[in-house]
Amino acid sequence: GLKKWVEVGNSGVFRPELLLPMGLPENVSVIAWGLSLERPTMIKYGINNIRELVGHRVNLQMVYDSPLCRLDL
């Protein structure tokens, strides 16, 4: 319905400077991936800034008023 591509699943490689404080050697690579469900949720509810969906700027009234799961796409 958006008439454009939207990234839903994402993945990547951790940067070395993020792994060093964890005690991992410099020659170790770590990959990560996820479903990235916040993107389709933002589209569904018309949220333009991810900080309004997660974090300290979340409108708690929206959380209280919204159903836990909506399947009516």
N, C-alpha and C. Protein backbone atom coordinates (compact mmCIF):
# COMPACT_ATOMS: atom_id res chain seq x y z
N GLY A 1 0.78 -1.19 0.00
CA GLY A 1 0.00 0.00 0.00
C GLY A 1 0.84 1.27 0.00
N LEU A 2 2.13 1.17 0.32
CA LEU A 2 2.99 2.35 0.37
C LEU A 2 3.56 2.72 -1.00
N LYS A 3 3.50 1.79 -1.92
CA LYS A 3 4.05 1.99 -3.27
C LYS A 3 5.56 2.21 -3.25
N LYS A 4 6.23 1.62 -2.23
CA LYS A 4 7.69 1.67 -2.16
C LYS A 4 8.18 0.51 -1.32
N TRP A 5 9.46 0.20 -1.43
CA TRP A 5 10.06 -0.87 -0.65
C TRP A 5 10.24 -0.43 0.80
N VAL A 6 9.98 -1.34 1.72
CA VAL A 6 10.16 -1.08 3.14
C VAL A 6 10.97 -2.22 3.73
N GLU A 7 12.06 -1.89 4.41
CA GLU A 7 12.89 -2.91 5.05
C GLU A 7 12.17 -3.42 6.29
N VAL A 8 11.95 -4.73 6.35
CA VAL A 8 11.28 -5.32 7.51
C VAL A 8 12.30 -6.11 8.32
N GLY A 9 13.00 -7.03 7.71
CA GLY A 9 14.06 -7.76 8.41
C GLY A 9 15.37 -7.05 8.20
N ASN A 10 16.20 -7.02 9.21
CA ASN A 10 17.49 -6.34 9.03
C ASN A 10 18.58 -7.17 9.68
N SER A 11 19.80 -6.87 9.32
CA SER A 11 20.95 -7.59 9.87
C SER A 11 22.18 -6.72 9.73
N GLY A 12 23.23 -7.14 10.38
CA GLY A 12 24.47 -6.39 10.27
C GLY A 12 25.58 -7.02 11.07
N VAL A 13 26.75 -6.42 10.99
CA VAL A 13 27.94 -6.87 11.70
C VAL A 13 28.28 -5.81 12.75
N PHE A 14 28.52 -6.27 13.99
CA PHE A 14 28.91 -5.33 15.04
C PHE A 14 30.24 -4.70 14.72
N ARG A 15 30.38 -3.43 15.01
CA ARG A 15 31.65 -2.74 14.82
C ARG A 15 32.63 -3.18 15.89
N PRO A 16 33.94 -3.30 15.55
CA PRO A 16 34.94 -3.82 16.50
C PRO A 16 35.00 -3.05 17.82
N GLU A 17 34.84 -1.72 17.79
CA GLU A 17 34.95 -0.95 19.03
C GLU A 17 33.81 -1.24 20.00
N LEU A 18 32.72 -1.83 19.51
CA LEU A 18 31.63 -2.23 20.39
C LEU A 18 31.90 -3.57 21.06
N LEU A 19 32.73 -4.38 20.44
CA LEU A 19 33.03 -5.71 20.97
C LEU A 19 34.19 -5.71 21.96
N LEU A 20 35.12 -4.79 21.82
CA LEU A 20 36.30 -4.76 22.70
C LEU A 20 35.94 -4.60 24.17
N PRO A 21 35.00 -3.72 24.56
CA PRO A 21 34.66 -3.62 25.97
C PRO A 21 34.05 -4.89 26.56
N MET A 22 33.58 -5.78 25.70
CA MET A 22 33.01 -7.05 26.15
C MET A 22 34.08 -8.10 26.36
N GLY A 23 35.33 -7.74 26.06
CA GLY A 23 36.43 -8.68 26.26
C GLY A 23 36.68 -9.61 25.09
N LEU A 24 36.05 -9.34 23.94
CA LEU A 24 36.27 -10.19 22.77
C LEU A 24 37.52 -9.73 22.03
N PRO A 25 38.27 -10.67 21.47
CA PRO A 25 39.48 -10.30 20.73
C PRO A 25 39.14 -9.50 19.47
N GLU A 26 40.11 -8.75 18.98
CA GLU A 26 39.90 -7.89 17.81
C GLU A 26 39.56 -8.66 16.54
N ASN A 27 39.96 -9.92 16.45
CA ASN A 27 39.74 -10.69 15.23
C ASN A 27 38.40 -11.42 15.22
N VAL A 28 37.52 -11.13 16.17
CA VAL A 28 36.22 -11.80 16.24
C VAL A 28 35.17 -10.93 15.54
N SER A 29 34.35 -11.57 14.69
CA SER A 29 33.23 -10.89 14.05
C SER A 29 31.93 -11.41 14.66
N VAL A 30 31.00 -10.50 14.88
CA VAL A 30 29.71 -10.87 15.45
C VAL A 30 28.62 -10.31 14.54
N ILE A 31 27.68 -11.18 14.16
CA ILE A 31 26.56 -10.72 13.34
C ILE A 31 25.30 -10.65 14.20
N ALA A 32 24.35 -9.87 13.76
CA ALA A 32 23.08 -9.74 14.46
C ALA A 32 21.98 -9.58 13.44
N TRP A 33 20.77 -10.00 13.79
CA TRP A 33 19.64 -9.82 12.91
C TRP A 33 18.37 -9.75 13.75
N GLY A 34 17.32 -9.26 13.14
CA GLY A 34 16.05 -9.14 13.84
C GLY A 34 14.91 -8.94 12.87
N LEU A 35 13.70 -8.97 13.40
CA LEU A 35 12.52 -8.81 12.56
C LEU A 35 12.20 -7.35 12.26
N SER A 36 12.65 -6.47 13.12
CA SER A 36 12.41 -5.04 12.92
C SER A 36 10.92 -4.73 12.84
N LEU A 37 10.17 -5.19 13.80
CA LEU A 37 8.72 -5.00 13.79
C LEU A 37 8.31 -3.56 14.04
N GLU A 38 9.26 -2.72 14.50
CA GLU A 38 8.89 -1.32 14.73
C GLU A 38 8.59 -0.59 13.43
N ARG A 39 9.21 -0.97 12.33
CA ARG A 39 8.96 -0.26 11.07
C ARG A 39 7.53 -0.44 10.58
N PRO A 40 7.03 -1.68 10.44
CA PRO A 40 5.63 -1.81 10.02
C PRO A 40 4.66 -1.23 11.04
N THR A 41 5.01 -1.28 12.33
CA THR A 41 4.15 -0.69 13.35
C THR A 41 4.08 0.81 13.18
N MET A 42 5.21 1.45 12.90
CA MET A 42 5.22 2.89 12.67
C MET A 42 4.37 3.26 11.46
N ILE A 43 4.44 2.46 10.41
CA ILE A 43 3.64 2.72 9.21
C ILE A 43 2.16 2.56 9.53
N LYS A 44 1.82 1.47 10.22
CA LYS A 44 0.42 1.18 10.55
C LYS A 44 -0.23 2.30 11.36
N TYR A 45 0.51 2.82 12.35
CA TYR A 45 -0.05 3.82 13.26
C TYR A 45 0.33 5.26 12.91
N GLY A 46 1.01 5.45 11.78
CA GLY A 46 1.35 6.80 11.33
C GLY A 46 2.36 7.50 12.22
N ILE A 47 3.30 6.75 12.78
CA ILE A 47 4.33 7.31 13.65
C ILE A 47 5.56 7.62 12.79
N ASN A 48 6.03 8.85 12.81
CA ASN A 48 7.15 9.26 11.96
C ASN A 48 8.50 9.19 12.66
N ASN A 49 8.51 9.20 13.98
CA ASN A 49 9.76 9.23 14.74
C ASN A 49 9.79 8.02 15.65
N ILE A 50 10.80 7.16 15.51
CA ILE A 50 10.86 5.92 16.28
C ILE A 50 10.89 6.19 17.79
N ARG A 51 11.36 7.38 18.20
CA ARG A 51 11.40 7.70 19.63
C ARG A 51 10.00 7.86 20.21
N GLU A 52 9.00 8.02 19.34
CA GLU A 52 7.62 8.07 19.83
C GLU A 52 7.05 6.67 20.05
N LEU A 53 7.73 5.65 19.52
CA LEU A 53 7.28 4.27 19.67
C LEU A 53 8.03 3.54 20.78
N VAL A 54 9.31 3.80 20.90
CA VAL A 54 10.13 3.18 21.95
C VAL A 54 10.97 4.27 22.61
N GLY A 55 11.18 4.15 23.89
CA GLY A 55 12.01 5.12 24.60
C GLY A 55 11.21 6.03 25.51
N HIS A 56 11.87 7.05 25.99
CA HIS A 56 11.28 7.92 27.01
C HIS A 56 10.22 8.86 26.47
N ARG A 57 10.08 9.00 25.16
CA ARG A 57 9.10 9.92 24.59
C ARG A 57 7.78 9.23 24.22
N VAL A 58 7.61 7.97 24.61
CA VAL A 58 6.40 7.24 24.26
C VAL A 58 5.20 7.87 24.96
N ASN A 59 4.13 8.06 24.20
CA ASN A 59 2.88 8.57 24.75
C ASN A 59 2.19 7.40 25.45
N LEU A 60 2.21 7.38 26.78
CA LEU A 60 1.66 6.26 27.52
C LEU A 60 0.16 6.12 27.31
N GLN A 61 -0.53 7.21 27.03
CA GLN A 61 -1.97 7.11 26.77
C GLN A 61 -2.22 6.29 25.52
N MET A 62 -1.36 6.44 24.49
CA MET A 62 -1.50 5.63 23.28
C MET A 62 -1.31 4.15 23.62
N VAL A 63 -0.37 3.84 24.50
CA VAL A 63 -0.12 2.45 24.90
C VAL A 63 -1.35 1.89 25.61
N TYR A 64 -1.92 2.66 26.52
CA TYR A 64 -3.09 2.20 27.27
C TYR A 64 -4.31 2.01 26.37
N ASP A 65 -4.46 2.90 25.38
CA ASP A 65 -5.65 2.88 24.53
C ASP A 65 -5.56 1.89 23.38
N SER A 66 -4.37 1.45 23.01
CA SER A 66 -4.18 0.58 21.85
C SER A 66 -4.31 -0.89 22.26
N PRO A 67 -4.92 -1.70 21.39
CA PRO A 67 -5.00 -3.13 21.70
C PRO A 67 -3.62 -3.77 21.64
N LEU A 68 -3.47 -4.88 22.31
CA LEU A 68 -2.19 -5.57 22.37
C LEU A 68 -1.75 -6.07 21.00
N CYS A 69 -2.67 -6.57 20.23
CA CYS A 69 -2.34 -7.12 18.92
C CYS A 69 -3.45 -6.79 17.93
N ARG A 70 -3.07 -6.25 16.77
CA ARG A 70 -4.07 -5.94 15.75
C ARG A 70 -3.78 -6.77 14.52
N LEU A 71 -4.74 -7.54 14.11
CA LEU A 71 -4.56 -8.37 12.93
C LEU A 71 -5.31 -7.82 11.72
N ASP A 72 -6.05 -6.74 11.88
CA ASP A 72 -6.82 -6.17 10.78
C ASP A 72 -5.96 -5.21 9.96
N LEU A 73 -5.14 -5.76 9.10
CA LEU A 73 -4.24 -4.95 8.30
C LEU A 73 -5.03 -4.27 7.22
